[in-house]
Amino acid sequence: MMFNIHMQNAKNIIQMLGGPTKVAQLLGLEKPGAVQRVSNWARRGRIPAQVILDHPRVFARTRARVSAESGVKEVDHVDYA
C-alpha cells in the first residue's frame, strides 16, 4: 500500500527505517556519500519523489499516521522481506 510520504516528516521516516546508513543500504546506495545523501533528506525534511517511486517496497515497510500538532502518533510496520 502506498501512502503520501511527503505529508510525513522525512526525518521520522528515515529513523523508522533504521537511520541513514540502513536507508542507504535498503536503497542500494553504495557510492561514497550515500549516507550523507540520506542524512541531507532528513535535514531538509523531504525525500525526493523519484526515490520513493523507484523503491516503493522500502517506503511501504513503514507507514506512519501523522498529526499536525504532535508528529508521529502511530507506526505500523510491515515486513516485506
N, C-alpha and C. Protein backbone atom coordinates (compact mmCIF):
# COMPACT_ATOMS: atom_id res chain seq x y z
N MET A 1 0.84 -1.18 0.00
CA MET A 1 0.00 0.00 0.00
C MET A 1 0.89 1.24 0.00
N MET A 2 0.64 2.16 -0.92
CA MET A 2 1.41 3.39 -0.97
C MET A 2 0.69 4.45 -0.13
N PHE A 3 1.42 5.42 0.30
CA PHE A 3 0.86 6.49 1.11
C PHE A 3 1.60 7.76 0.76
N ASN A 4 1.05 8.89 1.14
CA ASN A 4 1.65 10.17 0.83
C ASN A 4 2.79 10.45 1.78
N ILE A 5 3.99 10.10 1.35
CA ILE A 5 5.18 10.22 2.19
C ILE A 5 5.54 11.67 2.47
N HIS A 6 5.16 12.59 1.60
CA HIS A 6 5.52 13.99 1.80
C HIS A 6 4.68 14.65 2.89
N MET A 7 3.62 13.98 3.33
CA MET A 7 2.84 14.52 4.44
C MET A 7 3.48 14.11 5.76
N GLN A 8 4.49 13.30 5.71
CA GLN A 8 5.19 12.86 6.91
C GLN A 8 6.54 13.55 6.97
N ASN A 9 7.13 13.54 8.11
CA ASN A 9 8.43 14.13 8.30
C ASN A 9 9.50 13.15 7.81
N ALA A 10 10.30 13.56 6.85
CA ALA A 10 11.33 12.68 6.28
C ALA A 10 12.28 12.16 7.36
N LYS A 11 12.60 12.99 8.32
CA LYS A 11 13.50 12.56 9.39
C LYS A 11 12.90 11.39 10.16
N ASN A 12 11.61 11.47 10.48
CA ASN A 12 10.94 10.38 11.20
C ASN A 12 10.91 9.11 10.36
N ILE A 13 10.63 9.24 9.08
CA ILE A 13 10.58 8.08 8.20
C ILE A 13 11.94 7.40 8.14
N ILE A 14 12.99 8.18 7.97
CA ILE A 14 14.35 7.63 7.90
C ILE A 14 14.70 6.93 9.21
N GLN A 15 14.33 7.53 10.33
CA GLN A 15 14.60 6.89 11.62
C GLN A 15 13.81 5.60 11.78
N MET A 16 12.55 5.60 11.35
CA MET A 16 11.72 4.39 11.45
C MET A 16 12.28 3.25 10.61
N LEU A 17 12.94 3.60 9.53
CA LEU A 17 13.52 2.58 8.65
C LEU A 17 14.90 2.12 9.13
N GLY A 18 15.42 2.74 10.19
CA GLY A 18 16.69 2.29 10.75
C GLY A 18 17.82 3.30 10.68
N GLY A 19 17.54 4.51 10.25
CA GLY A 19 18.57 5.55 10.19
C GLY A 19 19.17 5.68 8.80
N PRO A 20 19.98 6.72 8.59
CA PRO A 20 20.54 7.00 7.27
C PRO A 20 21.38 5.86 6.68
N THR A 21 22.18 5.19 7.49
CA THR A 21 23.01 4.10 6.98
C THR A 21 22.14 2.96 6.47
N LYS A 22 21.14 2.57 7.25
CA LYS A 22 20.25 1.48 6.86
C LYS A 22 19.44 1.85 5.62
N VAL A 23 18.94 3.07 5.56
CA VAL A 23 18.16 3.51 4.40
C VAL A 23 19.03 3.50 3.15
N ALA A 24 20.26 3.97 3.26
CA ALA A 24 21.17 3.94 2.11
C ALA A 24 21.37 2.51 1.63
N GLN A 25 21.51 1.57 2.56
CA GLN A 25 21.65 0.16 2.20
C GLN A 25 20.39 -0.38 1.54
N LEU A 26 19.23 -0.08 2.13
CA LEU A 26 17.96 -0.55 1.58
C LEU A 26 17.73 -0.05 0.16
N LEU A 27 18.23 1.16 -0.12
CA LEU A 27 18.06 1.75 -1.45
C LEU A 27 19.15 1.34 -2.42
N GLY A 28 20.15 0.62 -1.92
CA GLY A 28 21.25 0.20 -2.78
C GLY A 28 22.22 1.32 -3.11
N LEU A 29 22.27 2.34 -2.26
CA LEU A 29 23.18 3.46 -2.47
C LEU A 29 24.53 3.13 -1.84
N GLU A 30 25.45 2.62 -2.63
CA GLU A 30 26.73 2.18 -2.09
C GLU A 30 27.88 3.09 -2.43
N LYS A 31 27.62 4.11 -3.20
CA LYS A 31 28.68 5.04 -3.59
C LYS A 31 29.13 5.86 -2.39
N PRO A 32 30.35 6.38 -2.44
CA PRO A 32 30.77 7.29 -1.36
C PRO A 32 29.78 8.45 -1.26
N GLY A 33 29.41 8.77 -0.06
CA GLY A 33 28.49 9.87 0.18
C GLY A 33 27.03 9.45 0.27
N ALA A 34 26.74 8.15 0.19
CA ALA A 34 25.36 7.68 0.22
C ALA A 34 24.68 8.01 1.54
N VAL A 35 25.36 7.78 2.65
CA VAL A 35 24.78 8.05 3.97
C VAL A 35 24.55 9.54 4.13
N GLN A 36 25.49 10.35 3.66
CA GLN A 36 25.33 11.81 3.73
C GLN A 36 24.14 12.26 2.90
N ARG A 37 23.94 11.63 1.76
CA ARG A 37 22.80 11.95 0.89
C ARG A 37 21.48 11.73 1.64
N VAL A 38 21.34 10.58 2.30
CA VAL A 38 20.13 10.28 3.05
C VAL A 38 20.00 11.23 4.24
N SER A 39 21.10 11.53 4.90
CA SER A 39 21.08 12.49 6.02
C SER A 39 20.60 13.85 5.56
N ASN A 40 20.99 14.25 4.36
CA ASN A 40 20.54 15.54 3.81
C ASN A 40 19.02 15.55 3.60
N TRP A 41 18.46 14.42 3.17
CA TRP A 41 17.00 14.33 3.01
C TRP A 41 16.33 14.57 4.35
N ALA A 42 16.86 13.95 5.40
CA ALA A 42 16.29 14.11 6.74
C ALA A 42 16.39 15.57 7.19
N ARG A 43 17.53 16.17 6.95
CA ARG A 43 17.75 17.56 7.35
C ARG A 43 16.81 18.50 6.60
N ARG A 44 16.60 18.24 5.32
CA ARG A 44 15.73 19.09 4.50
C ARG A 44 14.25 18.79 4.72
N GLY A 45 13.96 17.62 5.30
CA GLY A 45 12.58 17.24 5.54
C GLY A 45 11.85 16.74 4.32
N ARG A 46 12.61 16.26 3.32
CA ARG A 46 12.00 15.81 2.08
C ARG A 46 12.82 14.70 1.44
N ILE A 47 12.16 13.60 1.13
CA ILE A 47 12.77 12.52 0.37
C ILE A 47 12.35 12.72 -1.08
N PRO A 48 13.30 12.76 -2.01
CA PRO A 48 12.93 13.01 -3.41
C PRO A 48 11.87 12.03 -3.92
N ALA A 49 10.89 12.58 -4.63
CA ALA A 49 9.78 11.77 -5.15
C ALA A 49 10.28 10.62 -6.02
N GLN A 50 11.31 10.85 -6.82
CA GLN A 50 11.80 9.78 -7.70
C GLN A 50 12.36 8.61 -6.90
N VAL A 51 12.97 8.90 -5.77
CA VAL A 51 13.50 7.84 -4.90
C VAL A 51 12.34 7.00 -4.37
N ILE A 52 11.27 7.65 -3.95
CA ILE A 52 10.10 6.95 -3.44
C ILE A 52 9.47 6.09 -4.54
N LEU A 53 9.36 6.65 -5.73
CA LEU A 53 8.78 5.92 -6.86
C LEU A 53 9.64 4.73 -7.28
N ASP A 54 10.95 4.90 -7.19
CA ASP A 54 11.87 3.83 -7.59
C ASP A 54 11.95 2.70 -6.57
N HIS A 55 11.58 2.97 -5.31
CA HIS A 55 11.72 1.99 -4.22
C HIS A 55 10.45 1.91 -3.37
N PRO A 56 9.30 1.60 -3.97
CA PRO A 56 8.05 1.61 -3.19
C PRO A 56 8.02 0.60 -2.06
N ARG A 57 8.67 -0.53 -2.21
CA ARG A 57 8.65 -1.55 -1.15
C ARG A 57 9.41 -1.09 0.09
N VAL A 58 10.48 -0.34 -0.12
CA VAL A 58 11.25 0.17 1.02
C VAL A 58 10.38 1.11 1.85
N PHE A 59 9.70 2.02 1.19
CA PHE A 59 8.92 3.02 1.91
C PHE A 59 7.58 2.50 2.39
N ALA A 60 7.10 1.41 1.80
CA ALA A 60 5.86 0.80 2.28
C ALA A 60 6.10 -0.01 3.55
N ARG A 61 7.36 -0.29 3.87
CA ARG A 61 7.69 -1.08 5.06
C ARG A 61 7.26 -0.37 6.33
N THR A 62 7.27 0.93 6.30
CA THR A 62 6.88 1.70 7.49
C THR A 62 5.83 2.71 7.08
N ARG A 63 4.72 2.69 7.76
CA ARG A 63 3.65 3.65 7.50
C ARG A 63 3.35 4.36 8.81
N ALA A 64 3.34 5.65 8.76
CA ALA A 64 3.07 6.41 9.98
C ALA A 64 1.89 7.35 9.76
N ARG A 65 1.06 7.42 10.76
CA ARG A 65 -0.02 8.41 10.73
C ARG A 65 0.48 9.62 11.49
N VAL A 66 0.40 10.74 10.86
CA VAL A 66 0.99 11.95 11.42
C VAL A 66 -0.09 12.95 11.82
N SER A 67 0.11 13.52 12.98
CA SER A 67 -0.76 14.58 13.46
C SER A 67 -0.03 15.90 13.28
N ALA A 68 -0.70 16.90 12.82
CA ALA A 68 -0.07 18.20 12.60
C ALA A 68 0.50 18.77 13.89
N GLU A 69 -0.13 18.48 15.03
CA GLU A 69 0.34 19.05 16.29
C GLU A 69 1.46 18.25 16.94
N SER A 70 1.40 16.94 16.89
CA SER A 70 2.32 16.16 17.72
C SER A 70 3.24 15.21 16.97
N GLY A 71 3.30 15.30 15.64
CA GLY A 71 4.19 14.42 14.90
C GLY A 71 3.62 13.03 14.77
N VAL A 72 4.49 12.02 14.83
CA VAL A 72 4.06 10.64 14.62
C VAL A 72 3.23 10.17 15.80
N LYS A 73 2.03 9.71 15.54
CA LYS A 73 1.15 9.22 16.59
C LYS A 73 1.11 7.70 16.62
N GLU A 74 1.20 7.07 15.47
CA GLU A 74 1.10 5.62 15.40
C GLU A 74 1.97 5.13 14.26
N VAL A 75 2.66 4.04 14.48
CA VAL A 75 3.53 3.47 13.47
C VAL A 75 3.14 2.03 13.23
N ASP A 76 2.95 1.68 11.98
CA ASP A 76 2.67 0.30 11.60
C ASP A 76 3.87 -0.22 10.84
N HIS A 77 4.37 -1.37 11.21
CA HIS A 77 5.50 -1.97 10.50
C HIS A 77 4.98 -3.13 9.66
N VAL A 78 5.37 -3.13 8.40
CA VAL A 78 5.02 -4.21 7.50
C VAL A 78 6.31 -4.76 6.94
N ASP A 79 6.60 -6.00 7.18
CA ASP A 79 7.85 -6.60 6.71
C ASP A 79 7.61 -7.35 5.40
N TYR A 80 8.19 -6.84 4.32
CA TYR A 80 8.06 -7.46 3.01
C TYR A 80 9.26 -8.33 2.67
N ALA A 81 10.20 -8.44 3.59
CA ALA A 81 11.42 -9.20 3.31
C ALA A 81 11.16 -10.69 3.20
